[in-house]
Amino acid sequence: MNIELTRFRVKEGKSQKVDEWMKFLNDNQEALLETLEPEKMYVENIFREELDGREYLYWYSVQGENPQELADSEHWLDKKHIEFWNECIDETYRPVDLKVEMTAIPEKIEKHMK
C-alpha cells in the first residue's frame, strides 16, 4: 500500500482556474469514482492552502500496488484532469512529499485494500 501527501504549487494567477478544477471534480463525482478502481486508489483528497502569498494544493492518497498510471487512462475525466493540472500546477516548483510517520487502518478496512 502506498500512502502519500504531496504539496504542489499553483501557478501565479491560476487561483480561479483551480476553483473551476475543484468544482469540475466535485460536480463529476460519479465519473471520478469510476477512475479510482484502475488506479487502485482507495482514498484521494485534495487540500488547498495559501502560504506566504502563494497557493498550494496537497494530494493525500492511499493507493494499492501496481496501479494504472493517470497518464495511461483513456477515461474522459482523467484527460480533463490532466488538462487542468497542466494549466494550473507550477512545474518549476519541486513537489514536496511529506513523510508518513504513523498509519492506522482498522483490519476490517485494510483487508479490502489489497
PDB file of N, CA and C in Angstrom:
ATOM      1  N   MET A   1       0.841  -1.165   0.000  1.00  0.00           N
ATOM      2  CA  MET A   1       0.000   0.000   0.000  1.00  0.00           C
ATOM      3  C   MET A   1       0.890   1.233   0.000  1.00  0.00           C
ATOM      4  N   ASN A   2       0.490   2.254  -0.739  1.00  0.00           N
ATOM      5  CA  ASN A   2       1.259   3.483  -0.847  1.00  0.00           C
ATOM      6  C   ASN A   2       0.414   4.627  -0.292  1.00  0.00           C
ATOM      7  N   ILE A   3       0.917   5.287   0.737  1.00  0.00           N
ATOM      8  CA  ILE A   3       0.220   6.422   1.352  1.00  0.00           C
ATOM      9  C   ILE A   3       1.073   7.652   1.114  1.00  0.00           C
ATOM     10  N   GLU A   4       0.466   8.684   0.515  1.00  0.00           N
ATOM     11  CA  GLU A   4       1.228   9.883   0.157  1.00  0.00           C
ATOM     12  C   GLU A   4       0.474  11.152   0.532  1.00  0.00           C
ATOM     13  N   LEU A   5       1.251  12.158   0.861  1.00  0.00           N
ATOM     14  CA  LEU A   5       0.765  13.524   0.989  1.00  0.00           C
ATOM     15  C   LEU A   5       1.818  14.396   0.329  1.00  0.00           C
ATOM     16  N   THR A   6       1.451  15.018  -0.777  1.00  0.00           N
ATOM     17  CA  THR A   6       2.409  15.774  -1.582  1.00  0.00           C
ATOM     18  C   THR A   6       1.883  17.178  -1.834  1.00  0.00           C
ATOM     19  N   ARG A   7       2.782  18.159  -1.704  1.00  0.00           N
ATOM     20  CA  ARG A   7       2.438  19.563  -1.939  1.00  0.00           C
ATOM     21  C   ARG A   7       2.926  19.987  -3.320  1.00  0.00           C
ATOM     22  N   PHE A   8       2.021  20.627  -4.068  1.00  0.00           N
ATOM     23  CA  PHE A   8       2.325  21.187  -5.384  1.00  0.00           C
ATOM     24  C   PHE A   8       1.975  22.667  -5.360  1.00  0.00           C
ATOM     25  N   ARG A   9       2.769  23.473  -6.032  1.00  0.00           N
ATOM     26  CA  ARG A   9       2.491  24.903  -6.080  1.00  0.00           C
ATOM     27  C   ARG A   9       1.646  25.232  -7.309  1.00  0.00           C
ATOM     28  N   VAL A  10       0.680  26.091  -7.095  1.00  0.00           N
ATOM     29  CA  VAL A  10      -0.185  26.568  -8.172  1.00  0.00           C
ATOM     30  C   VAL A  10       0.525  27.718  -8.888  1.00  0.00           C
ATOM     31  N   LYS A  11       0.417  27.731 -10.205  1.00  0.00           N
ATOM     32  CA  LYS A  11       0.983  28.835 -10.986  1.00  0.00           C
ATOM     33  C   LYS A  11       0.305  30.136 -10.562  1.00  0.00           C
ATOM     34  N   GLU A  12       1.078  31.207 -10.560  1.00  0.00           N
ATOM     35  CA  GLU A  12       0.518  32.514 -10.207  1.00  0.00           C
ATOM     36  C   GLU A  12      -0.581  32.880 -11.200  1.00  0.00           C
ATOM     37  N   GLY A  13      -1.661  33.455 -10.666  1.00  0.00           N
ATOM     38  CA  GLY A  13      -2.773  33.885 -11.496  1.00  0.00           C
ATOM     39  C   GLY A  13      -3.744  32.778 -11.873  1.00  0.00           C
ATOM     40  N   LYS A  14      -3.557  31.579 -11.333  1.00  0.00           N
ATOM     41  CA  LYS A  14      -4.406  30.434 -11.708  1.00  0.00           C
ATOM     42  C   LYS A  14      -5.388  30.023 -10.608  1.00  0.00           C
ATOM     43  N   SER A  15      -5.549  30.846  -9.593  1.00  0.00           N
ATOM     44  CA  SER A  15      -6.446  30.503  -8.491  1.00  0.00           C
ATOM     45  C   SER A  15      -7.882  30.290  -8.967  1.00  0.00           C
ATOM     46  N   GLN A  16      -8.362  31.147  -9.851  1.00  0.00           N
ATOM     47  CA  GLN A  16      -9.727  30.999 -10.359  1.00  0.00           C
ATOM     48  C   GLN A  16      -9.866  29.719 -11.188  1.00  0.00           C
ATOM     49  N   LYS A  17      -8.833  29.370 -11.925  1.00  0.00           N
ATOM     50  CA  LYS A  17      -8.855  28.119 -12.694  1.00  0.00           C
ATOM     51  C   LYS A  17      -8.864  26.919 -11.751  1.00  0.00           C
ATOM     52  N   VAL A  18      -8.152  27.006 -10.621  1.00  0.00           N
ATOM     53  CA  VAL A  18      -8.191  25.940  -9.628  1.00  0.00           C
ATOM     54  C   VAL A  18      -9.612  25.802  -9.070  1.00  0.00           C
ATOM     55  N   ASP A  19     -10.285  26.947  -8.855  1.00  0.00           N
ATOM     56  CA  ASP A  19     -11.696  26.905  -8.429  1.00  0.00           C
ATOM     57  C   ASP A  19     -12.515  26.075  -9.413  1.00  0.00           C
ATOM     58  N   GLU A  20     -12.334  26.343 -10.701  1.00  0.00           N
ATOM     59  CA  GLU A  20     -13.056  25.601 -11.750  1.00  0.00           C
ATOM     60  C   GLU A  20     -12.706  24.114 -11.700  1.00  0.00           C
ATOM     61  N   TRP A  21     -11.430  23.815 -11.509  1.00  0.00           N
ATOM     62  CA  TRP A  21     -10.936  22.438 -11.466  1.00  0.00           C
ATOM     63  C   TRP A  21     -11.591  21.671 -10.319  1.00  0.00           C
ATOM     64  N   MET A  22     -11.575  22.260  -9.134  1.00  0.00           N
ATOM     65  CA  MET A  22     -12.152  21.584  -7.979  1.00  0.00           C
ATOM     66  C   MET A  22     -13.670  21.440  -8.139  1.00  0.00           C
ATOM     67  N   LYS A  23     -14.311  22.442  -8.717  1.00  0.00           N
ATOM     68  CA  LYS A  23     -15.754  22.352  -8.986  1.00  0.00           C
ATOM     69  C   LYS A  23     -16.025  21.228  -9.980  1.00  0.00           C
ATOM     70  N   PHE A  24     -15.203  21.132 -11.011  1.00  0.00           N
ATOM     71  CA  PHE A  24     -15.329  20.072 -12.008  1.00  0.00           C
ATOM     72  C   PHE A  24     -15.248  18.697 -11.344  1.00  0.00           C
ATOM     73  N   LEU A  25     -14.247  18.506 -10.488  1.00  0.00           N
ATOM     74  CA  LEU A  25     -14.093  17.209  -9.817  1.00  0.00           C
ATOM     75  C   LEU A  25     -15.281  16.924  -8.892  1.00  0.00           C
ATOM     76  N   ASN A  26     -15.705  17.917  -8.136  1.00  0.00           N
ATOM     77  CA  ASN A  26     -16.839  17.736  -7.227  1.00  0.00           C
ATOM     78  C   ASN A  26     -18.155  17.518  -7.971  1.00  0.00           C
ATOM     79  N   ASP A  27     -18.324  18.176  -9.107  1.00  0.00           N
ATOM     80  CA  ASP A  27     -19.554  18.040  -9.897  1.00  0.00           C
ATOM     81  C   ASP A  27     -19.617  16.717 -10.658  1.00  0.00           C
ATOM     82  N   ASN A  28     -18.491  16.054 -10.800  1.00  0.00           N
ATOM     83  CA  ASN A  28     -18.419  14.807 -11.567  1.00  0.00           C
ATOM     84  C   ASN A  28     -17.964  13.633 -10.707  1.00  0.00           C
ATOM     85  N   GLN A  29     -18.485  13.569  -9.492  1.00  0.00           N
ATOM     86  CA  GLN A  29     -18.072  12.537  -8.545  1.00  0.00           C
ATOM     87  C   GLN A  29     -18.296  11.120  -9.071  1.00  0.00           C
ATOM     88  N   GLU A  30     -19.419  10.886  -9.731  1.00  0.00           N
ATOM     89  CA  GLU A  30     -19.693   9.530 -10.237  1.00  0.00           C
ATOM     90  C   GLU A  30     -18.611   9.091 -11.226  1.00  0.00           C
ATOM     91  N   ALA A  31     -18.288   9.967 -12.161  1.00  0.00           N
ATOM     92  CA  ALA A  31     -17.234   9.653 -13.134  1.00  0.00           C
ATOM     93  C   ALA A  31     -15.874   9.562 -12.443  1.00  0.00           C
ATOM     94  N   LEU A  32     -15.643  10.435 -11.479  1.00  0.00           N
ATOM     95  CA  LEU A  32     -14.386  10.402 -10.741  1.00  0.00           C
ATOM     96  C   LEU A  32     -14.199   9.061 -10.047  1.00  0.00           C
ATOM     97  N   LEU A  33     -15.250   8.559  -9.428  1.00  0.00           N
ATOM     98  CA  LEU A  33     -15.167   7.270  -8.743  1.00  0.00           C
ATOM     99  C   LEU A  33     -14.864   6.132  -9.714  1.00  0.00           C
ATOM    100  N   GLU A  34     -15.339   6.255 -10.967  1.00  0.00           N
ATOM    101  CA  GLU A  34     -15.032   5.238 -11.987  1.00  0.00           C
ATOM    102  C   GLU A  34     -13.533   5.154 -12.259  1.00  0.00           C
ATOM    103  N   THR A  35     -12.843   6.267 -12.127  1.00  0.00           N
ATOM    104  CA  THR A  35     -11.412   6.305 -12.441  1.00  0.00           C
ATOM    105  C   THR A  35     -10.552   5.726 -11.330  1.00  0.00           C
ATOM    106  N   LEU A  36     -11.100   5.621 -10.132  1.00  0.00           N
ATOM    107  CA  LEU A  36     -10.287   5.210  -8.987  1.00  0.00           C
ATOM    108  C   LEU A  36      -9.907   3.738  -9.003  1.00  0.00           C
ATOM    109  N   GLU A  37     -10.812   2.885  -9.460  1.00  0.00           N
ATOM    110  CA  GLU A  37     -10.530   1.445  -9.407  1.00  0.00           C
ATOM    111  C   GLU A  37      -9.307   1.044 -10.239  1.00  0.00           C
ATOM    112  N   PRO A  38      -9.207   1.456 -11.515  1.00  0.00           N
ATOM    113  CA  PRO A  38      -7.997   1.079 -12.278  1.00  0.00           C
ATOM    114  C   PRO A  38      -6.712   1.643 -11.653  1.00  0.00           C
ATOM    115  N   GLU A  39      -6.836   2.779 -10.975  1.00  0.00           N
ATOM    116  CA  GLU A  39      -5.682   3.383 -10.317  1.00  0.00           C
ATOM    117  C   GLU A  39      -5.407   2.753  -8.952  1.00  0.00           C
ATOM    118  N   LYS A  40      -6.267   1.808  -8.551  1.00  0.00           N
ATOM    119  CA  LYS A  40      -6.181   1.187  -7.226  1.00  0.00           C
ATOM    120  C   LYS A  40      -6.115   2.255  -6.137  1.00  0.00           C
ATOM    121  N   MET A  41      -6.894   3.312  -6.359  1.00  0.00           N
ATOM    122  CA  MET A  41      -6.935   4.440  -5.438  1.00  0.00           C
ATOM    123  C   MET A  41      -8.058   4.214  -4.445  1.00  0.00           C
ATOM    124  N   TYR A  42      -7.685   4.029  -3.172  1.00  0.00           N
ATOM    125  CA  TYR A  42      -8.679   3.774  -2.140  1.00  0.00           C
ATOM    126  C   TYR A  42      -9.185   5.063  -1.520  1.00  0.00           C
ATOM    127  N   VAL A  43      -8.309   6.035  -1.388  1.00  0.00           N
ATOM    128  CA  VAL A  43      -8.663   7.337  -0.831  1.00  0.00           C
ATOM    129  C   VAL A  43      -7.881   8.385  -1.604  1.00  0.00           C
ATOM    130  N   GLU A  44      -8.563   9.449  -2.004  1.00  0.00           N
ATOM    131  CA  GLU A  44      -7.878  10.582  -2.628  1.00  0.00           C
ATOM    132  C   GLU A  44      -8.554  11.857  -2.158  1.00  0.00           C
ATOM    133  N   ASN A  45      -7.763  12.746  -1.602  1.00  0.00           N
ATOM    134  CA  ASN A  45      -8.249  14.049  -1.171  1.00  0.00           C
ATOM    135  C   ASN A  45      -7.314  15.105  -1.707  1.00  0.00           C
ATOM    136  N   ILE A  46      -7.874  16.277  -1.997  1.00  0.00           N
ATOM    137  CA  ILE A  46      -7.068  17.421  -2.406  1.00  0.00           C
ATOM    138  C   ILE A  46      -7.339  18.537  -1.405  1.00  0.00           C
ATOM    139  N   PHE A  47      -6.265  19.062  -0.842  1.00  0.00           N
ATOM    140  CA  PHE A  47      -6.344  20.174   0.104  1.00  0.00           C
ATOM    141  C   PHE A  47      -5.735  21.405  -0.555  1.00  0.00           C
ATOM    142  N   ARG A  48      -6.139  22.564  -0.076  1.00  0.00           N
ATOM    143  CA  ARG A  48      -5.674  23.817  -0.648  1.00  0.00           C
ATOM    144  C   ARG A  48      -5.196  24.729   0.471  1.00  0.00           C
ATOM    145  N   GLU A  49      -4.081  25.439   0.203  1.00  0.00           N
ATOM    146  CA  GLU A  49      -3.522  26.318   1.228  1.00  0.00           C
ATOM    147  C   GLU A  49      -2.859  27.511   0.559  1.00  0.00           C
ATOM    148  N   GLU A  50      -2.946  28.661   1.213  1.00  0.00           N
ATOM    149  CA  GLU A  50      -2.148  29.808   0.812  1.00  0.00           C
ATOM    150  C   GLU A  50      -1.089  30.000   1.881  1.00  0.00           C
ATOM    151  N   LEU A  51       0.154  30.100   1.439  1.00  0.00           N
ATOM    152  CA  LEU A  51       1.286  30.199   2.347  1.00  0.00           C
ATOM    153  C   LEU A  51       2.255  31.235   1.789  1.00  0.00           C
ATOM    154  N   ASP A  52       2.543  32.243   2.573  1.00  0.00           N
ATOM    155  CA  ASP A  52       3.466  33.314   2.157  1.00  0.00           C
ATOM    156  C   ASP A  52       3.080  33.901   0.801  1.00  0.00           C
ATOM    157  N   GLY A  53       1.785  34.084   0.594  1.00  0.00           N
ATOM    158  CA  GLY A  53       1.302  34.711  -0.630  1.00  0.00           C
ATOM    159  C   GLY A  53       1.254  33.801  -1.843  1.00  0.00           C
ATOM    160  N   ARG A  54       1.552  32.522  -1.681  1.00  0.00           N
ATOM    161  CA  ARG A  54       1.499  31.557  -2.785  1.00  0.00           C
ATOM    162  C   ARG A  54       0.459  30.499  -2.467  1.00  0.00           C
ATOM    163  N   GLU A  55      -0.135  29.960  -3.505  1.00  0.00           N
ATOM    164  CA  GLU A  55      -1.172  28.954  -3.338  1.00  0.00           C
ATOM    165  C   GLU A  55      -0.602  27.566  -3.620  1.00  0.00           C
ATOM    166  N   TYR A  56      -1.020  26.603  -2.799  1.00  0.00           N
ATOM    167  CA  TYR A  56      -0.561  25.223  -2.925  1.00  0.00           C
ATOM    168  C   TYR A  56      -1.754  24.277  -2.884  1.00  0.00           C
ATOM    169  N   LEU A  57      -1.600  23.172  -3.587  1.00  0.00           N
ATOM    170  CA  LEU A  57      -2.539  22.066  -3.491  1.00  0.00           C
ATOM    171  C   LEU A  57      -1.783  20.875  -2.924  1.00  0.00           C
ATOM    172  N   TYR A  58      -2.452  20.150  -2.050  1.00  0.00           N
ATOM    173  CA  TYR A  58      -1.892  18.952  -1.433  1.00  0.00           C
ATOM    174  C   TYR A  58      -2.738  17.757  -1.840  1.00  0.00           C
ATOM    175  N   TRP A  59      -2.096  16.731  -2.340  1.00  0.00           N
ATOM    176  CA  TRP A  59      -2.781  15.477  -2.660  1.00  0.00           C
ATOM    177  C   TRP A  59      -2.479  14.476  -1.555  1.00  0.00           C
ATOM    178  N   TYR A  60      -3.543  13.973  -0.948  1.00  0.00           N
ATOM    179  CA  TYR A  60      -3.418  12.884   0.019  1.00  0.00           C
ATOM    180  C   TYR A  60      -4.044  11.663  -0.624  1.00  0.00           C
ATOM    181  N   SER A  61      -3.321  10.558  -0.627  1.00  0.00           N
ATOM    182  CA  SER A  61      -3.867   9.355  -1.244  1.00  0.00           C
ATOM    183  C   SER A  61      -3.411   8.096  -0.525  1.00  0.00           C
ATOM    184  N   VAL A  62      -4.290   7.114  -0.596  1.00  0.00           N
ATOM    185  CA  VAL A  62      -3.991   5.762  -0.156  1.00  0.00           C
ATOM    186  C   VAL A  62      -4.260   4.898  -1.373  1.00  0.00           C
ATOM    187  N   GLN A  63      -3.209   4.239  -1.863  1.00  0.00           N
ATOM    188  CA  GLN A  63      -3.279   3.553  -3.149  1.00  0.00           C
ATOM    189  C   GLN A  63      -2.653   2.173  -3.049  1.00  0.00           C
ATOM    190  N   GLY A  64      -3.233   1.227  -3.775  1.00  0.00           N
ATOM    191  CA  GLY A  64      -2.706  -0.124  -3.821  1.00  0.00           C
ATOM    192  C   GLY A  64      -1.472  -0.221  -4.705  1.00  0.00           C
ATOM    193  N   GLU A  65      -0.908  -1.395  -4.726  1.00  0.00           N
ATOM    194  CA  GLU A  65       0.308  -1.658  -5.510  1.00  0.00           C
ATOM    195  C   GLU A  65      -0.018  -1.831  -6.996  1.00  0.00           C
ATOM    196  N   ASN A  66       0.911  -1.459  -7.858  1.00  0.00           N
ATOM    197  CA  ASN A  66       0.832  -1.623  -9.315  1.00  0.00           C
ATOM    198  C   ASN A  66      -0.426  -0.999  -9.929  1.00  0.00           C
ATOM    199  N   PRO A  67      -0.640   0.278  -9.684  1.00  0.00           N
ATOM    200  CA  PRO A  67      -1.824   0.928 -10.243  1.00  0.00           C
ATOM    201  C   PRO A  67      -1.637   1.311 -11.707  1.00  0.00           C
ATOM    202  N   GLN A  68      -2.760   1.538 -12.385  1.00  0.00           N
ATOM    203  CA  GLN A  68      -2.695   2.141 -13.712  1.00  0.00           C
ATOM    204  C   GLN A  68      -2.282   3.600 -13.506  1.00  0.00           C
ATOM    205  N   GLU A  69      -1.367   4.070 -14.305  1.00  0.00           N
ATOM    206  CA  GLU A  69      -0.927   5.456 -14.212  1.00  0.00           C
ATOM    207  C   GLU A  69      -1.994   6.372 -14.804  1.00  0.00           C
ATOM    208  N   LEU A  70      -2.156   7.535 -14.206  1.00  0.00           N
ATOM    209  CA  LEU A  70      -3.132   8.506 -14.688  1.00  0.00           C
ATOM    210  C   LEU A  70      -2.894   8.827 -16.166  1.00  0.00           C
ATOM    211  N   ALA A  71      -1.650   8.977 -16.554  1.00  0.00           N
ATOM    212  CA  ALA A  71      -1.307   9.323 -17.936  1.00  0.00           C
ATOM    213  C   ALA A  71      -1.729   8.232 -18.927  1.00  0.00           C
ATOM    214  N   ASP A  72      -1.910   7.003 -18.448  1.00  0.00           N
ATOM    215  CA  ASP A  72      -2.292   5.897 -19.320  1.00  0.00           C
ATOM    216  C   ASP A  72      -3.807   5.733 -19.432  1.00  0.00           C
ATOM    217  N   SER A  73      -4.550   6.497 -18.662  1.00  0.00           N
ATOM    218  CA  SER A  73      -6.007   6.372 -18.652  1.00  0.00           C
ATOM    219  C   SER A  73      -6.616   6.962 -19.917  1.00  0.00           C
ATOM    220  N   GLU A  74      -7.647   6.295 -20.420  1.00  0.00           N
ATOM    221  CA  GLU A  74      -8.407   6.796 -21.566  1.00  0.00           C
ATOM    222  C   GLU A  74      -9.732   7.424 -21.117  1.00  0.00           C
ATOM    223  N   HIS A  75      -9.976   7.457 -19.806  1.00  0.00           N
ATOM    224  CA  HIS A  75     -11.230   7.995 -19.284  1.00  0.00           C
ATOM    225  C   HIS A  75     -11.289   9.500 -19.529  1.00  0.00           C
ATOM    226  N   TRP A  76     -12.439   9.996 -19.983  1.00  0.00           N
ATOM    227  CA  TRP A  76     -12.585  11.416 -20.315  1.00  0.00           C
ATOM    228  C   TRP A  76     -12.290  12.317 -19.115  1.00  0.00           C
ATOM    229  N   LEU A  77     -12.664  11.876 -17.915  1.00  0.00           N
ATOM    230  CA  LEU A  77     -12.431  12.717 -16.742  1.00  0.00           C
ATOM    231  C   LEU A  77     -10.936  12.850 -16.469  1.00  0.00           C
ATOM    232  N   ASP A  78     -10.202  11.767 -16.601  1.00  0.00           N
ATOM    233  CA  ASP A  78      -8.755  11.834 -16.378  1.00  0.00           C
ATOM    234  C   ASP A  78      -8.082  12.752 -17.398  1.00  0.00           C
ATOM    235  N   LYS A  79      -8.561  12.715 -18.630  1.00  0.00           N
ATOM    236  CA  LYS A  79      -7.981  13.601 -19.656  1.00  0.00           C
ATOM    237  C   LYS A  79      -8.207  15.073 -19.292  1.00  0.00           C
ATOM    238  N   LYS A  80      -9.407  15.394 -18.813  1.00  0.00           N
ATOM    239  CA  LYS A  80      -9.724  16.767 -18.404  1.00  0.00           C
ATOM    240  C   LYS A  80      -8.918  17.134 -17.153  1.00  0.00           C
ATOM    241  N   HIS A  81      -8.780  16.199 -16.233  1.00  0.00           N
ATOM    242  CA  HIS A  81      -7.995  16.404 -15.010  1.00  0.00           C
ATOM    243  C   HIS A  81      -6.549  16.766 -15.371  1.00  0.00           C
ATOM    244  N   ILE A  82      -5.977  16.064 -16.333  1.00  0.00           N
ATOM    245  CA  ILE A  82      -4.602  16.345 -16.776  1.00  0.00           C
ATOM    246  C   ILE A  82      -4.514  17.726 -17.424  1.00  0.00           C
ATOM    247  N   GLU A  83      -5.541  18.124 -18.181  1.00  0.00           N
ATOM    248  CA  GLU A  83      -5.554  19.466 -18.771  1.00  0.00           C
ATOM    249  C   GLU A  83      -5.507  20.538 -17.681  1.00  0.00           C
ATOM    250  N   PHE A  84      -6.357  20.386 -16.663  1.00  0.00           N
ATOM    251  CA  PHE A  84      -6.343  21.334 -15.544  1.00  0.00           C
ATOM    252  C   PHE A  84      -4.966  21.340 -14.878  1.00  0.00           C
ATOM    253  N   TRP A  85      -4.422  20.141 -14.623  1.00  0.00           N
ATOM    254  CA  TRP A  85      -3.111  20.021 -13.988  1.00  0.00           C
ATOM    255  C   TRP A  85      -2.068  20.824 -14.769  1.00  0.00           C
ATOM    256  N   ASN A  86      -2.005  20.574 -16.070  1.00  0.00           N
ATOM    257  CA  ASN A  86      -1.006  21.244 -16.901  1.00  0.00           C
ATOM    258  C   ASN A  86      -1.166  22.759 -16.887  1.00  0.00           C
ATOM    259  N   GLU A  87      -2.399  23.225 -16.798  1.00  0.00           N
ATOM    260  CA  GLU A  87      -2.636  24.667 -16.785  1.00  0.00           C
ATOM    261  C   GLU A  87      -2.350  25.295 -15.422  1.00  0.00           C
ATOM    262  N   CYS A  88      -2.547  24.547 -14.354  1.00  0.00           N
ATOM    263  CA  CYS A  88      -2.526  25.139 -13.019  1.00  0.00           C
ATOM    264  C   CYS A  88      -1.300  24.833 -12.160  1.00  0.00           C
ATOM    265  N   ILE A  89      -0.663  23.707 -12.354  1.00  0.00           N
ATOM    266  CA  ILE A  89       0.429  23.308 -11.459  1.00  0.00           C
ATOM    267  C   ILE A  89       1.772  23.830 -11.976  1.00  0.00           C
ATOM    268  N   ASP A  90       2.509  24.480 -11.094  1.00  0.00           N
ATOM    269  CA  ASP A  90       3.799  25.082 -11.399  1.00  0.00           C
ATOM    270  C   ASP A  90       4.869  23.997 -11.446  1.00  0.00           C
ATOM    271  N   GLU A  91       5.284  23.634 -12.650  1.00  0.00           N
ATOM    272  CA  GLU A  91       6.272  22.566 -12.834  1.00  0.00           C
ATOM    273  C   GLU A  91       7.687  23.014 -12.452  1.00  0.00           C
ATOM    274  N   THR A  92       7.894  24.320 -12.232  1.00  0.00           N
ATOM    275  CA  THR A  92       9.212  24.788 -11.813  1.00  0.00           C
ATOM    276  C   THR A  92       9.435  24.579 -10.317  1.00  0.00           C
ATOM    277  N   TYR A  93       8.367  24.287  -9.597  1.00  0.00           N
ATOM    278  CA  TYR A  93       8.436  24.037  -8.158  1.00  0.00           C
ATOM    279  C   TYR A  93       8.560  22.535  -7.928  1.00  0.00           C
ATOM    280  N   ARG A  94       9.554  22.151  -7.178  1.00  0.00           N
ATOM    281  CA  ARG A  94       9.743  20.729  -6.883  1.00  0.00           C
ATOM    282  C   ARG A  94       8.700  20.295  -5.850  1.00  0.00           C
ATOM    283  N   PRO A  95       7.824  19.332  -6.199  1.00  0.00           N
ATOM    284  CA  PRO A  95       6.811  18.877  -5.245  1.00  0.00           C
ATOM    285  C   PRO A  95       7.453  18.384  -3.950  1.00  0.00           C
ATOM    286  N   VAL A  96       6.738  18.585  -2.861  1.00  0.00           N
ATOM    287  CA  VAL A  96       7.239  18.176  -1.549  1.00  0.00           C
ATOM    288  C   VAL A  96       6.412  16.992  -1.065  1.00  0.00           C
ATOM    289  N   ASP A  97       7.078  15.849  -0.873  1.00  0.00           N
ATOM    290  CA  ASP A  97       6.430  14.662  -0.318  1.00  0.00           C
ATOM    291  C   ASP A  97       6.630  14.686   1.188  1.00  0.00           C
ATOM    292  N   LEU A  98       5.526  14.774   1.907  1.00  0.00           N
ATOM    293  CA  LEU A  98       5.615  14.742   3.359  1.00  0.00           C
ATOM    294  C   LEU A  98       5.828  13.307   3.820  1.00  0.00           C
ATOM    295  N   LYS A  99       6.544  13.138   4.894  1.00  0.00           N
ATOM    296  CA  LYS A  99       6.919  11.820   5.385  1.00  0.00           C
ATOM    297  C   LYS A  99       5.806  11.242   6.260  1.00  0.00           C
ATOM    298  N   VAL A 100       5.417  10.009   5.969  1.00  0.00           N
ATOM    299  CA  VAL A 100       4.431   9.307   6.792  1.00  0.00           C
ATOM    300  C   VAL A 100       5.122   8.873   8.078  1.00  0.00           C
ATOM    301  N   GLU A 101       4.583   9.287   9.201  1.00  0.00           N
ATOM    302  CA  GLU A 101       5.145   8.929  10.497  1.00  0.00           C
ATOM    303  C   GLU A 101       4.320   7.858  11.210  1.00  0.00           C
ATOM    304  N   MET A 102       3.047   7.753  10.866  1.00  0.00           N
ATOM    305  CA  MET A 102       2.176   6.788  11.526  1.00  0.00           C
ATOM    306  C   MET A 102       0.991   6.523  10.618  1.00  0.00           C
ATOM    307  N   THR A 103       0.575   5.267  10.574  1.00  0.00           N
ATOM    308  CA  THR A 103      -0.614   4.872   9.820  1.00  0.00           C
ATOM    309  C   THR A 103      -1.439   3.955  10.701  1.00  0.00           C
ATOM    310  N   ALA A 104      -2.732   4.213  10.727  1.00  0.00           N
ATOM    311  CA  ALA A 104      -3.642   3.349  11.476  1.00  0.00           C
ATOM    312  C   ALA A 104      -4.869   3.090  10.607  1.00  0.00           C
ATOM    313  N   ILE A 105      -5.001   1.866  10.163  1.00  0.00           N
ATOM    314  CA  ILE A 105      -6.151   1.458   9.357  1.00  0.00           C
ATOM    315  C   ILE A 105      -6.719   0.205  10.009  1.00  0.00           C
ATOM    316  N   PRO A 106      -7.980   0.246  10.410  1.00  0.00           N
ATOM    317  CA  PRO A 106      -8.559  -0.953  11.020  1.00  0.00           C
ATOM    318  C   PRO A 106      -8.469  -2.146  10.063  1.00  0.00           C
ATOM    319  N   GLU A 107      -8.218  -3.321  10.642  1.00  0.00           N
ATOM    320  CA  GLU A 107      -8.046  -4.533   9.851  1.00  0.00           C
ATOM    321  C   GLU A 107      -9.233  -4.792   8.933  1.00  0.00           C
ATOM    322  N   LYS A 108     -10.458  -4.545   9.414  1.00  0.00           N
ATOM    323  CA  LYS A 108     -11.643  -4.798   8.593  1.00  0.00           C
ATOM    324  C   LYS A 108     -11.687  -3.898   7.359  1.00  0.00           C
ATOM    325  N   ILE A 109     -11.025  -2.747   7.399  1.00  0.00           N
ATOM    326  CA  ILE A 109     -10.923  -1.876   6.231  1.00  0.00           C
ATOM    327  C   ILE A 109      -9.739  -2.293   5.378  1.00  0.00           C
ATOM    328  N   GLU A 110      -8.608  -2.519   6.006  1.00  0.00           N
ATOM    329  CA  GLU A 110      -7.373  -2.833   5.275  1.00  0.00           C
ATOM    330  C   GLU A 110      -7.499  -4.099   4.446  1.00  0.00           C
ATOM    331  N   LYS A 111      -8.255  -5.086   4.897  1.00  0.00           N
ATOM    332  CA  LYS A 111      -8.378  -6.335   4.151  1.00  0.00           C
ATOM    333  C   LYS A 111      -9.047  -6.126   2.789  1.00  0.00           C
ATOM    334  N   HIS A 112      -9.767  -5.022   2.628  1.00  0.00           N
ATOM    335  CA  HIS A 112     -10.400  -4.691   1.349  1.00  0.00           C
ATOM    336  C   HIS A 112      -9.484  -3.850   0.459  1.00  0.00           C
ATOM    337  N   MET A 113      -8.329  -3.498   0.965  1.00  0.00           N
ATOM    338  CA  MET A 113      -7.419  -2.604   0.254  1.00  0.00           C
ATOM    339  C   MET A 113      -6.244  -3.345  -0.342  1.00  0.00           C
ATOM    340  N   LYS A 114      -6.393  -4.579  -0.684  1.00  0.00           N
ATOM    341  CA  LYS A 114      -5.275  -5.345  -1.234  1.00  0.00           C
ATOM    342  C   LYS A 114      -5.575  -5.831  -2.608  1.00  0.00           C
TER     343      LYS A 114
END
